[in-house]
Structure formats: C-alpha cells, structure tokens
Amino acid sequence: MTSARGGAASGGTGTVAPAREHGLLRSLVADPALGPLRALLLLLTVLTGVVDAVSILALGRVFVANMTGNVVFAAFAVAGAPGFSLGASLFALAGFLIGAYAGGLMIRRTGPSPDTTDRGALLRAGTLAELALVAVALIIAAASGDHAASTGTLHLSGDAFAPALTDILALILASGLGIQNAVARKLAVPDLTTTVLTMTLTGVGADLRTVTRGTGAGGAGKKAARADLTVRLLAVATMVVGATAGALLALHVSPLSGLALATALLAVVASATVGATRRPASWRTPRPKA
C-alpha cells in the first residue's frame, strides 16, 4: 500500500517525497480531527509577527500580542528607561483584556452546549471581529495624516504617530489580538497558540533526541514526534516571516503599510474560515472528553 501510494504520487518513479509532502499539506488543511485549523492558525501566527513588528517600531516599543513582553516594557517605563511608553503599554494591556473578554463571550455563544464549542464558528467569529478592529486601526492611522502614512520609521527623527493616537492604536490592535488569543486558547491546537513561542521552542528542544535517535520510542512514536517537530518549526518560521515582513514595511515603507498587510492577512483567514464552515464537519464539534 505504501509503495503504491508513493508511486502514484510521484508519477511512478518509486520516490516517496511527494507523498510525504502531500501528507504534510493534508495535515495542515484537511486533518480529520482538526480540519484546516493548523493552516489557519499558522496564518494568524504570521499576522502576529507583522502586528508586533509594527507596534514595536512605530508605537513606542509596545507589544500588542505578547503581553509578557508588554508587562516587562511597562516596568521599564516605570523605572524611567528611555524610549518606552508607559501609556501605550497600559492601553495595550487594557485592550488585550477587553479583547480576551470578548473572545470569552464568543466561546460561550458558539457552542451547542456548555461543554462543546463549534470550533469553526468560533474561529469565524473571532477572525471577523479581529479583522474589523485591525481595519479600524488602519483607517484611523491613514486618516491621521501623521508621518506613518508615507514614511518608514527608519527615516523618522520623531514618533510615527502623535502620543494620543499611539495609545488609541495600541488599544484597538491589542483588543483584536486579545480576541485571537482567547480563540486560539479554546481551540487548543497543539503548538499553535499563534502568539507565544516559548513552549513551542521548549518542545523542539525537549523532543529533539526522540526525533533524531528514536530513544524510548517505537516507529510510530518517532513518526509522531517528527510530525510534532514539523508543526513546531512551522510555527517558529511563520512568526519569523511575519515579523520580518512587518519590520521591513515599518522601517522602509511605512507603519501604515504594515497595518495594511495585517488587514489583508486577516481578510484571507476570515474568508477561508467562512468557506470552511459552510457545511457541517466532524472537526468543528469534537466530542467532549468523558
């Protein structure tokens, strides 16, 4: 069976690489248990990198997705470290909590029962709400007429946005990412939190020996470990890609262009989620654990 599938996938050459590629692609977009959730959450990880790059480089060194870093930055500002905005950090924290609360409401309203949530409906509601918030931030930033509309931060001697506008943008963007975090937390797709890589990298290091040598694991266990490692590395890679793209745009084009890219990414995820939820599917409402 294995060789036949490999031959069919490779045009009869007997190679198995195409079959493996098909297996990886299928696990991302059509997994029996997760459907397209892995692929969609990886796109949201790209989005996180873009938005945090823009916020760090244009909103006064503030995270709008990673609240661990944001709390640390707020502490730096309290201690008087130059270049850190306490106001923006506090507005981002407040916005994140508001967004997380809104995400909690979505969770309770998208389940057929208190114990079972329609994962497709939840992701659809979350991404549409986040898209609306990021689009609002883009419109406000564009209408402000500040330097960020046409100039990269690398070429600015002052702030990209006025202080009041910086706080407003931090509040709105963090609200969107708060929703994203709440939704991703409920979906609980392994290694795909979309915003935090600490535990993902821990898994990479902790399981590396199992993957490379198979110590303490049979063939099936080693195969599963390799699949997990692939997903973890994809999560890290997509964050890097997003952060790099966001930084290049914010530094050399304009922070506004970075927000435009974030809006476009969310539009893609929202559209794909709407398409994936047009019909019932087993991955949408998994059975609650006994």
C-alpha atoms as a PDB file:
ATOM      1  CA  MET A   1       0.000   0.000   0.000  1.00  0.00           C
ATOM      2  CA  THR A   2       2.734   2.407   0.965  1.00  0.00           C
ATOM      3  CA  SER A   3       4.808   1.884  -2.164  1.00  0.00           C
ATOM      4  CA  ALA A   4       1.731   2.056  -4.375  1.00  0.00           C
ATOM      5  CA  ARG A   5       0.715   5.378  -2.960  1.00  0.00           C
ATOM      6  CA  GLY A   6       4.250   6.626  -3.206  1.00  0.00           C
ATOM      7  CA  GLY A   7       4.467   5.562  -6.839  1.00  0.00           C
ATOM      8  CA  ALA A   8       1.163   7.178  -7.743  1.00  0.00           C
ATOM      9  CA  ALA A   9       2.083  10.404  -6.085  1.00  0.00           C
ATOM     10  CA  SER A  10       5.458  10.546  -7.774  1.00  0.00           C
ATOM     11  CA  GLY A  11       4.332   9.649 -11.269  1.00  0.00           C
ATOM     12  CA  GLY A  12       5.514   6.025 -10.983  1.00  0.00           C
ATOM     13  CA  THR A  13       9.154   6.835 -10.196  1.00  0.00           C
ATOM     14  CA  GLY A  14       9.050   4.997  -6.863  1.00  0.00           C
ATOM     15  CA  THR A  15      10.097   8.055  -4.825  1.00  0.00           C
ATOM     16  CA  VAL A  16       8.161   8.857  -1.670  1.00  0.00           C
ATOM     17  CA  ALA A  17       8.965  12.539  -1.169  1.00  0.00           C
ATOM     18  CA  PRO A  18       5.803  13.798  -2.950  1.00  0.00           C
ATOM     19  CA  ALA A  19       3.668  11.503  -0.806  1.00  0.00           C
ATOM     20  CA  ARG A  20       5.255  12.953   2.316  1.00  0.00           C
ATOM     21  CA  GLU A  21       4.630  16.469   1.065  1.00  0.00           C
ATOM     22  CA  HIS A  22       1.007  15.569   0.401  1.00  0.00           C
ATOM     23  CA  GLY A  23       0.793  14.149   3.926  1.00  0.00           C
ATOM     24  CA  LEU A  24       2.109  17.369   5.436  1.00  0.00           C
ATOM     25  CA  LEU A  25      -0.221  19.518   3.347  1.00  0.00           C
ATOM     26  CA  ARG A  26      -3.179  17.336   4.266  1.00  0.00           C
ATOM     27  CA  SER A  27      -2.324  17.545   7.960  1.00  0.00           C
ATOM     28  CA  LEU A  28      -2.411  21.344   7.705  1.00  0.00           C
ATOM     29  CA  VAL A  29      -5.598  21.827   5.695  1.00  0.00           C
ATOM     30  CA  ALA A  30      -7.647  18.624   5.890  1.00  0.00           C
ATOM     31  CA  ASP A  31      -6.755  16.752   9.043  1.00  0.00           C
ATOM     32  CA  PRO A  32      -9.671  14.501  10.096  1.00  0.00           C
ATOM     33  CA  ALA A  33      -9.586  15.798  13.668  1.00  0.00           C
ATOM     34  CA  LEU A  34      -8.564  19.416  13.062  1.00  0.00           C
ATOM     35  CA  GLY A  35      -9.727  20.213   9.528  1.00  0.00           C
ATOM     36  CA  PRO A  36      -7.983  23.383   8.268  1.00  0.00           C
ATOM     37  CA  LEU A  37      -7.269  24.729  11.759  1.00  0.00           C
ATOM     38  CA  ARG A  38      -3.499  24.235  11.618  1.00  0.00           C
ATOM     39  CA  ALA A  39      -3.126  26.173   8.370  1.00  0.00           C
ATOM     40  CA  LEU A  40      -5.388  28.985   9.538  1.00  0.00           C
ATOM     41  CA  LEU A  41      -3.608  29.306  12.877  1.00  0.00           C
ATOM     42  CA  LEU A  42      -0.252  29.409  11.111  1.00  0.00           C
ATOM     43  CA  LEU A  43      -1.536  32.358   9.066  1.00  0.00           C
ATOM     44  CA  LEU A  44      -2.592  34.038  12.303  1.00  0.00           C
ATOM     45  CA  THR A  45       0.945  33.440  13.589  1.00  0.00           C
ATOM     46  CA  VAL A  46       2.263  35.338  10.565  1.00  0.00           C
ATOM     47  CA  LEU A  47      -0.191  38.109  11.435  1.00  0.00           C
ATOM     48  CA  THR A  48       1.138  38.254  14.998  1.00  0.00           C
ATOM     49  CA  GLY A  49       4.661  38.799  13.731  1.00  0.00           C
ATOM     50  CA  VAL A  50       3.517  41.592  11.417  1.00  0.00           C
ATOM     51  CA  VAL A  51       1.453  43.426  14.024  1.00  0.00           C
ATOM     52  CA  ASP A  52       4.027  43.168  16.812  1.00  0.00           C
ATOM     53  CA  ALA A  53       6.755  44.400  14.450  1.00  0.00           C
ATOM     54  CA  VAL A  54       4.654  47.463  13.624  1.00  0.00           C
ATOM     55  CA  SER A  55       3.780  48.111  17.267  1.00  0.00           C
ATOM     56  CA  ILE A  56       7.390  47.814  18.455  1.00  0.00           C
ATOM     57  CA  LEU A  57       8.782  50.021  15.704  1.00  0.00           C
ATOM     58  CA  ALA A  58       6.004  52.611  15.450  1.00  0.00           C
ATOM     59  CA  LEU A  59       4.009  52.690  18.693  1.00  0.00           C
ATOM     60  CA  GLY A  60       6.707  53.390  21.236  1.00  0.00           C
ATOM     61  CA  ARG A  61       8.123  49.936  21.945  1.00  0.00           C
ATOM     62  CA  VAL A  62       4.886  48.249  22.890  1.00  0.00           C
ATOM     63  CA  PHE A  63       3.667  44.728  22.198  1.00  0.00           C
ATOM     64  CA  VAL A  64       0.032  44.304  21.221  1.00  0.00           C
ATOM     65  CA  ALA A  65       0.111  40.499  21.022  1.00  0.00           C
ATOM     66  CA  ASN A  66       2.743  39.329  23.504  1.00  0.00           C
ATOM     67  CA  MET A  67       1.651  40.530  26.916  1.00  0.00           C
ATOM     68  CA  THR A  68       4.675  39.038  28.696  1.00  0.00           C
ATOM     69  CA  GLY A  69       6.923  41.391  26.799  1.00  0.00           C
ATOM     70  CA  ASN A  70       4.459  44.220  27.232  1.00  0.00           C
ATOM     71  CA  VAL A  71       4.412  43.871  31.020  1.00  0.00           C
ATOM     72  CA  VAL A  72       8.221  43.949  31.017  1.00  0.00           C
ATOM     73  CA  PHE A  73       8.214  47.063  28.802  1.00  0.00           C
ATOM     74  CA  ALA A  74       5.744  48.736  31.157  1.00  0.00           C
ATOM     75  CA  ALA A  75       8.117  48.002  34.039  1.00  0.00           C
ATOM     76  CA  PHE A  76      10.986  49.539  32.050  1.00  0.00           C
ATOM     77  CA  ALA A  77       8.899  52.675  31.531  1.00  0.00           C
ATOM     78  CA  VAL A  78       8.090  52.875  35.253  1.00  0.00           C
ATOM     79  CA  ALA A  79      11.804  52.588  36.002  1.00  0.00           C
ATOM     80  CA  GLY A  80      12.479  55.520  33.675  1.00  0.00           C
ATOM     81  CA  ALA A  81      14.180  53.669  30.833  1.00  0.00           C
ATOM     82  CA  PRO A  82      14.238  55.950  27.766  1.00  0.00           C
ATOM     83  CA  GLY A  83      12.224  55.056  24.680  1.00  0.00           C
ATOM     84  CA  PHE A  84       9.438  53.125  26.434  1.00  0.00           C
ATOM     85  CA  SER A  85       5.868  54.424  26.632  1.00  0.00           C
ATOM     86  CA  LEU A  86       4.013  53.562  29.827  1.00  0.00           C
ATOM     87  CA  GLY A  87       0.786  54.942  28.390  1.00  0.00           C
ATOM     88  CA  ALA A  88       0.914  52.777  25.275  1.00  0.00           C
ATOM     89  CA  SER A  89       1.789  49.694  27.338  1.00  0.00           C
ATOM     90  CA  LEU A  90      -1.139  50.276  29.705  1.00  0.00           C
ATOM     91  CA  PHE A  91      -3.549  50.926  26.837  1.00  0.00           C
ATOM     92  CA  ALA A  92      -2.341  47.734  25.156  1.00  0.00           C
ATOM     93  CA  LEU A  93      -2.857  45.736  28.354  1.00  0.00           C
ATOM     94  CA  ALA A  94      -6.351  47.173  28.775  1.00  0.00           C
ATOM     95  CA  GLY A  95      -7.214  46.475  25.138  1.00  0.00           C
ATOM     96  CA  PHE A  96      -5.929  42.925  25.376  1.00  0.00           C
ATOM     97  CA  LEU A  97      -8.101  42.219  28.424  1.00  0.00           C
ATOM     98  CA  ILE A  98     -11.133  43.709  26.662  1.00  0.00           C
ATOM     99  CA  GLY A  99     -10.470  41.556  23.618  1.00  0.00           C
ATOM    100  CA  ALA A 100      -9.954  38.426  25.703  1.00  0.00           C
ATOM    101  CA  TYR A 101     -13.249  39.103  27.474  1.00  0.00           C
ATOM    102  CA  ALA A 102     -14.991  39.492  24.115  1.00  0.00           C
ATOM    103  CA  GLY A 103     -13.384  36.239  22.992  1.00  0.00           C
ATOM    104  CA  GLY A 104     -14.796  34.540  26.067  1.00  0.00           C
ATOM    105  CA  LEU A 105     -18.273  35.720  25.125  1.00  0.00           C
ATOM    106  CA  MET A 106     -17.794  34.307  21.632  1.00  0.00           C
ATOM    107  CA  ILE A 107     -16.773  30.964  23.096  1.00  0.00           C
ATOM    108  CA  ARG A 108     -19.943  30.754  25.161  1.00  0.00           C
ATOM    109  CA  ARG A 109     -22.132  31.711  22.199  1.00  0.00           C
ATOM    110  CA  THR A 110     -20.677  29.364  19.581  1.00  0.00           C
ATOM    111  CA  GLY A 111     -21.237  26.067  21.364  1.00  0.00           C
ATOM    112  CA  PRO A 112     -24.260  23.826  21.053  1.00  0.00           C
ATOM    113  CA  SER A 113     -23.753  23.004  24.736  1.00  0.00           C
ATOM    114  CA  PRO A 114     -21.684  24.420  27.617  1.00  0.00           C
ATOM    115  CA  ASP A 115     -19.086  21.674  27.132  1.00  0.00           C
ATOM    116  CA  THR A 116     -18.831  21.672  23.336  1.00  0.00           C
ATOM    117  CA  THR A 117     -17.830  24.599  21.159  1.00  0.00           C
ATOM    118  CA  ASP A 118     -18.255  24.747  17.392  1.00  0.00           C
ATOM    119  CA  ARG A 119     -14.608  25.391  16.570  1.00  0.00           C
ATOM    120  CA  GLY A 120     -15.361  26.546  13.043  1.00  0.00           C
ATOM    121  CA  ALA A 121     -17.984  29.049  14.167  1.00  0.00           C
ATOM    122  CA  LEU A 122     -15.694  30.273  16.943  1.00  0.00           C
ATOM    123  CA  LEU A 123     -12.746  30.900  14.618  1.00  0.00           C
ATOM    124  CA  ARG A 124     -15.073  32.576  12.107  1.00  0.00           C
ATOM    125  CA  ALA A 125     -16.487  34.941  14.737  1.00  0.00           C
ATOM    126  CA  GLY A 126     -13.061  35.683  16.166  1.00  0.00           C
ATOM    127  CA  THR A 127     -11.324  36.432  12.870  1.00  0.00           C
ATOM    128  CA  LEU A 128     -14.182  38.590  11.599  1.00  0.00           C
ATOM    129  CA  ALA A 129     -14.152  40.647  14.810  1.00  0.00           C
ATOM    130  CA  GLU A 130     -10.360  40.937  14.704  1.00  0.00           C
ATOM    131  CA  LEU A 131     -10.485  41.939  11.038  1.00  0.00           C
ATOM    132  CA  ALA A 132     -12.936  44.732  11.889  1.00  0.00           C
ATOM    133  CA  LEU A 133     -10.687  46.051  14.668  1.00  0.00           C
ATOM    134  CA  VAL A 134      -7.466  45.987  12.641  1.00  0.00           C
ATOM    135  CA  ALA A 135      -9.264  47.632   9.711  1.00  0.00           C
ATOM    136  CA  VAL A 136     -10.480  50.381  12.049  1.00  0.00           C
ATOM    137  CA  ALA A 137      -6.911  50.890  13.269  1.00  0.00           C
ATOM    138  CA  LEU A 138      -5.730  51.116   9.653  1.00  0.00           C
ATOM    139  CA  ILE A 139      -8.399  53.688   8.782  1.00  0.00           C
ATOM    140  CA  ILE A 140      -7.628  55.813  11.856  1.00  0.00           C
ATOM    141  CA  ALA A 141      -3.901  55.710  11.150  1.00  0.00           C
ATOM    142  CA  ALA A 142      -4.440  56.639   7.496  1.00  0.00           C
ATOM    143  CA  ALA A 143      -6.803  59.486   8.346  1.00  0.00           C
ATOM    144  CA  SER A 144      -4.430  60.942  10.926  1.00  0.00           C
ATOM    145  CA  GLY A 145      -2.074  62.371   8.334  1.00  0.00           C
ATOM    146  CA  ASP A 146       0.890  61.561  10.583  1.00  0.00           C
ATOM    147  CA  HIS A 147       4.314  60.652   9.245  1.00  0.00           C
ATOM    148  CA  ALA A 148       3.492  56.943   9.402  1.00  0.00           C
ATOM    149  CA  ALA A 149       1.202  57.269   6.385  1.00  0.00           C
ATOM    150  CA  SER A 150       4.095  57.690   3.969  1.00  0.00           C
ATOM    151  CA  THR A 151       7.438  57.372   5.782  1.00  0.00           C
ATOM    152  CA  GLY A 152       9.279  54.429   7.263  1.00  0.00           C
ATOM    153  CA  THR A 153      10.364  54.748  10.880  1.00  0.00           C
ATOM    154  CA  LEU A 154      13.989  54.303   9.845  1.00  0.00           C
ATOM    155  CA  HIS A 155      13.789  57.740   8.245  1.00  0.00           C
ATOM    156  CA  LEU A 156      11.910  59.498  11.059  1.00  0.00           C
ATOM    157  CA  SER A 157      13.575  61.620  13.687  1.00  0.00           C
ATOM    158  CA  GLY A 158      10.449  61.723  15.860  1.00  0.00           C
ATOM    159  CA  ASP A 159       7.485  59.499  16.638  1.00  0.00           C
ATOM    160  CA  ALA A 160       5.495  57.947  13.807  1.00  0.00           C
ATOM    161  CA  PHE A 161       2.188  58.880  15.448  1.00  0.00           C
ATOM    162  CA  ALA A 162       1.085  61.520  17.920  1.00  0.00           C
ATOM    163  CA  PRO A 163       1.078  60.229  21.540  1.00  0.00           C
ATOM    164  CA  ALA A 164      -2.717  60.160  21.845  1.00  0.00           C
ATOM    165  CA  LEU A 165      -3.058  58.317  18.544  1.00  0.00           C
ATOM    166  CA  THR A 166      -0.354  55.857  19.602  1.00  0.00           C
ATOM    167  CA  ASP A 167      -2.385  54.956  22.693  1.00  0.00           C
ATOM    168  CA  ILE A 168      -5.586  54.560  20.669  1.00  0.00           C
ATOM    169  CA  LEU A 169      -3.924  52.318  18.098  1.00  0.00           C
ATOM    170  CA  ALA A 170      -2.319  50.207  20.828  1.00  0.00           C
ATOM    171  CA  LEU A 171      -5.736  49.791  22.478  1.00  0.00           C
ATOM    172  CA  ILE A 172      -7.510  48.762  19.252  1.00  0.00           C
ATOM    173  CA  LEU A 173      -4.815  46.413  17.969  1.00  0.00           C
ATOM    174  CA  ALA A 174      -4.371  44.730  21.353  1.00  0.00           C
ATOM    175  CA  SER A 175      -8.140  44.216  21.562  1.00  0.00           C
ATOM    176  CA  GLY A 176      -8.009  42.300  18.283  1.00  0.00           C
ATOM    177  CA  LEU A 177      -5.103  40.184  19.466  1.00  0.00           C
ATOM    178  CA  GLY A 178      -6.868  39.554  22.767  1.00  0.00           C
ATOM    179  CA  ILE A 179      -9.730  38.007  20.813  1.00  0.00           C
ATOM    180  CA  GLN A 180      -7.247  35.954  18.793  1.00  0.00           C
ATOM    181  CA  ASN A 181      -5.567  34.647  21.948  1.00  0.00           C
ATOM    182  CA  ALA A 182      -8.853  33.698  23.585  1.00  0.00           C
ATOM    183  CA  VAL A 183      -9.994  31.856  20.469  1.00  0.00           C
ATOM    184  CA  ALA A 184      -6.665  30.050  19.979  1.00  0.00           C
ATOM    185  CA  ARG A 185      -6.658  29.042  23.648  1.00  0.00           C
ATOM    186  CA  LYS A 186     -10.088  27.460  23.305  1.00  0.00           C
ATOM    187  CA  LEU A 187      -9.209  25.722  20.037  1.00  0.00           C
ATOM    188  CA  ALA A 188      -6.195  24.214  21.831  1.00  0.00           C
ATOM    189  CA  VAL A 189      -4.412  23.046  18.686  1.00  0.00           C
ATOM    190  CA  PRO A 190      -1.061  21.678  19.949  1.00  0.00           C
ATOM    191  CA  ASP A 191       1.900  24.062  19.499  1.00  0.00           C
ATOM    192  CA  LEU A 192      -0.197  26.697  17.719  1.00  0.00           C
ATOM    193  CA  THR A 193      -1.039  29.418  20.223  1.00  0.00           C
ATOM    194  CA  THR A 194      -0.407  31.973  17.395  1.00  0.00           C
ATOM    195  CA  THR A 195       1.338  34.464  19.696  1.00  0.00           C
ATOM    196  CA  VAL A 196       3.761  32.760  22.122  1.00  0.00           C
ATOM    197  CA  LEU A 197       6.648  30.522  21.098  1.00  0.00           C
ATOM    198  CA  THR A 198       8.202  29.748  24.476  1.00  0.00           C
ATOM    199  CA  MET A 199       6.542  26.360  24.964  1.00  0.00           C
ATOM    200  CA  THR A 200       6.844  25.608  21.253  1.00  0.00           C
ATOM    201  CA  LEU A 201      10.624  26.041  21.402  1.00  0.00           C
ATOM    202  CA  THR A 202      10.702  24.056  24.637  1.00  0.00           C
ATOM    203  CA  GLY A 203       9.030  21.180  22.788  1.00  0.00           C
ATOM    204  CA  VAL A 204      11.555  21.428  19.967  1.00  0.00           C
ATOM    205  CA  GLY A 205      14.468  21.106  22.367  1.00  0.00           C
ATOM    206  CA  ALA A 206      12.926  18.545  24.690  1.00  0.00           C
ATOM    207  CA  ASP A 207      11.843  16.153  21.928  1.00  0.00           C
ATOM    208  CA  LEU A 208      14.827  16.551  19.614  1.00  0.00           C
ATOM    209  CA  ARG A 209      16.581  13.407  20.823  1.00  0.00           C
ATOM    210  CA  THR A 210      13.445  11.335  20.235  1.00  0.00           C
ATOM    211  CA  VAL A 211      13.205  12.653  16.697  1.00  0.00           C
ATOM    212  CA  THR A 212      16.840  12.187  15.767  1.00  0.00           C
ATOM    213  CA  ARG A 213      17.569   8.879  17.507  1.00  0.00           C
ATOM    214  CA  GLY A 214      14.194   7.435  18.393  1.00  0.00           C
ATOM    215  CA  THR A 215      15.318   6.877  22.003  1.00  0.00           C
ATOM    216  CA  GLY A 216      12.460   5.464  24.048  1.00  0.00           C
ATOM    217  CA  ALA A 217      10.021   5.436  21.132  1.00  0.00           C
ATOM    218  CA  GLY A 218       8.962   2.890  18.545  1.00  0.00           C
ATOM    219  CA  GLY A 219       8.478   3.592  14.853  1.00  0.00           C
ATOM    220  CA  ALA A 220       5.033   5.095  15.358  1.00  0.00           C
ATOM    221  CA  GLY A 221       6.244   7.211  18.251  1.00  0.00           C
ATOM    222  CA  LYS A 222       9.180   8.521  16.266  1.00  0.00           C
ATOM    223  CA  LYS A 223       6.919   9.354  13.326  1.00  0.00           C
ATOM    224  CA  ALA A 224       4.546  11.251  15.610  1.00  0.00           C
ATOM    225  CA  ALA A 225       7.453  13.125  17.182  1.00  0.00           C
ATOM    226  CA  ARG A 226       8.682  14.163  13.732  1.00  0.00           C
ATOM    227  CA  ALA A 227       5.211  15.401  12.802  1.00  0.00           C
ATOM    228  CA  ASP A 228       5.044  17.430  16.013  1.00  0.00           C
ATOM    229  CA  LEU A 229       8.511  18.860  15.371  1.00  0.00           C
ATOM    230  CA  THR A 230       7.470  19.894  11.857  1.00  0.00           C
ATOM    231  CA  VAL A 231       4.458  21.800  13.165  1.00  0.00           C
ATOM    232  CA  ARG A 232       6.566  23.497  15.843  1.00  0.00           C
ATOM    233  CA  LEU A 233       9.197  24.566  13.333  1.00  0.00           C
ATOM    234  CA  LEU A 234       6.474  25.883  11.036  1.00  0.00           C
ATOM    235  CA  ALA A 235       5.086  27.936  13.925  1.00  0.00           C
ATOM    236  CA  VAL A 236       8.515  29.479  14.558  1.00  0.00           C
ATOM    237  CA  ALA A 237       9.133  30.046  10.842  1.00  0.00           C
ATOM    238  CA  THR A 238       5.793  31.757  10.255  1.00  0.00           C
ATOM    239  CA  MET A 239       6.374  34.090  13.193  1.00  0.00           C
ATOM    240  CA  VAL A 240       9.798  34.984  11.789  1.00  0.00           C
ATOM    241  CA  VAL A 241       8.344  35.575   8.328  1.00  0.00           C
ATOM    242  CA  GLY A 242       5.615  37.809   9.711  1.00  0.00           C
ATOM    243  CA  ALA A 243       7.963  39.814  11.930  1.00  0.00           C
ATOM    244  CA  THR A 244      10.460  40.249   9.097  1.00  0.00           C
ATOM    245  CA  ALA A 245       7.791  41.431   6.668  1.00  0.00           C
ATOM    246  CA  GLY A 246       6.273  43.778   9.243  1.00  0.00           C
ATOM    247  CA  ALA A 247       9.670  45.217  10.168  1.00  0.00           C
ATOM    248  CA  LEU A 248      10.722  45.774   6.552  1.00  0.00           C
ATOM    249  CA  LEU A 249       7.471  47.579   5.822  1.00  0.00           C
ATOM    250  CA  ALA A 250       7.507  49.665   9.011  1.00  0.00           C
ATOM    251  CA  LEU A 251      11.171  50.619   8.646  1.00  0.00           C
ATOM    252  CA  HIS A 252      11.434  51.245   4.918  1.00  0.00           C
ATOM    253  CA  VAL A 253       7.914  51.941   3.623  1.00  0.00           C
ATOM    254  CA  SER A 254       5.576  52.998   6.441  1.00  0.00           C
ATOM    255  CA  PRO A 255       3.883  51.559   9.527  1.00  0.00           C
ATOM    256  CA  LEU A 256       0.634  52.102   7.648  1.00  0.00           C
ATOM    257  CA  SER A 257       1.718  49.555   5.027  1.00  0.00           C
ATOM    258  CA  GLY A 258       2.367  47.049   7.800  1.00  0.00           C
ATOM    259  CA  LEU A 259      -1.170  47.534   9.098  1.00  0.00           C
ATOM    260  CA  ALA A 260      -2.456  47.106   5.552  1.00  0.00           C
ATOM    261  CA  LEU A 261      -0.642  43.766   5.291  1.00  0.00           C
ATOM    262  CA  ALA A 262      -2.119  42.675   8.631  1.00  0.00           C
ATOM    263  CA  THR A 263      -5.604  43.595   7.408  1.00  0.00           C
ATOM    264  CA  ALA A 264      -5.069  41.619   4.195  1.00  0.00           C
ATOM    265  CA  LEU A 265      -3.883  38.547   6.111  1.00  0.00           C
ATOM    266  CA  LEU A 266      -6.935  38.674   8.368  1.00  0.00           C
ATOM    267  CA  ALA A 267      -9.194  39.019   5.338  1.00  0.00           C
ATOM    268  CA  VAL A 268      -7.664  35.836   3.894  1.00  0.00           C
ATOM    269  CA  VAL A 269      -8.118  33.915   7.162  1.00  0.00           C
ATOM    270  CA  ALA A 270     -11.677  35.191   7.619  1.00  0.00           C
ATOM    271  CA  SER A 271     -12.625  34.288   4.036  1.00  0.00           C
ATOM    272  CA  ALA A 272     -11.095  30.829   4.326  1.00  0.00           C
ATOM    273  CA  THR A 273     -12.856  30.233   7.640  1.00  0.00           C
ATOM    274  CA  VAL A 274     -16.210  31.325   6.259  1.00  0.00           C
ATOM    275  CA  GLY A 275     -15.716  28.924   3.336  1.00  0.00           C
ATOM    276  CA  ALA A 276     -14.702  26.063   5.630  1.00  0.00           C
ATOM    277  CA  THR A 277     -17.783  26.483   7.829  1.00  0.00           C
ATOM    278  CA  ARG A 278     -20.425  26.430   5.110  1.00  0.00           C
ATOM    279  CA  ARG A 279     -21.150  22.782   5.837  1.00  0.00           C
ATOM    280  CA  PRO A 280     -21.030  20.574   8.943  1.00  0.00           C
ATOM    281  CA  ALA A 281     -17.804  18.671   9.587  1.00  0.00           C
ATOM    282  CA  SER A 282     -16.569  16.402  12.354  1.00  0.00           C
ATOM    283  CA  TRP A 283     -13.593  18.649  13.190  1.00  0.00           C
ATOM    284  CA  ARG A 284     -15.925  21.518  14.061  1.00  0.00           C
ATOM    285  CA  THR A 285     -17.607  19.915  17.058  1.00  0.00           C
ATOM    286  CA  PRO A 286     -15.414  17.198  18.553  1.00  0.00           C
ATOM    287  CA  ARG A 287     -16.966  15.029  21.190  1.00  0.00           C
ATOM    288  CA  PRO A 288     -16.281  16.238  24.727  1.00  0.00           C
ATOM    289  CA  LYS A 289     -13.925  14.048  26.725  1.00  0.00           C
ATOM    290  CA  ALA A 290     -15.618  11.669  29.138  1.00  0.00           C
END
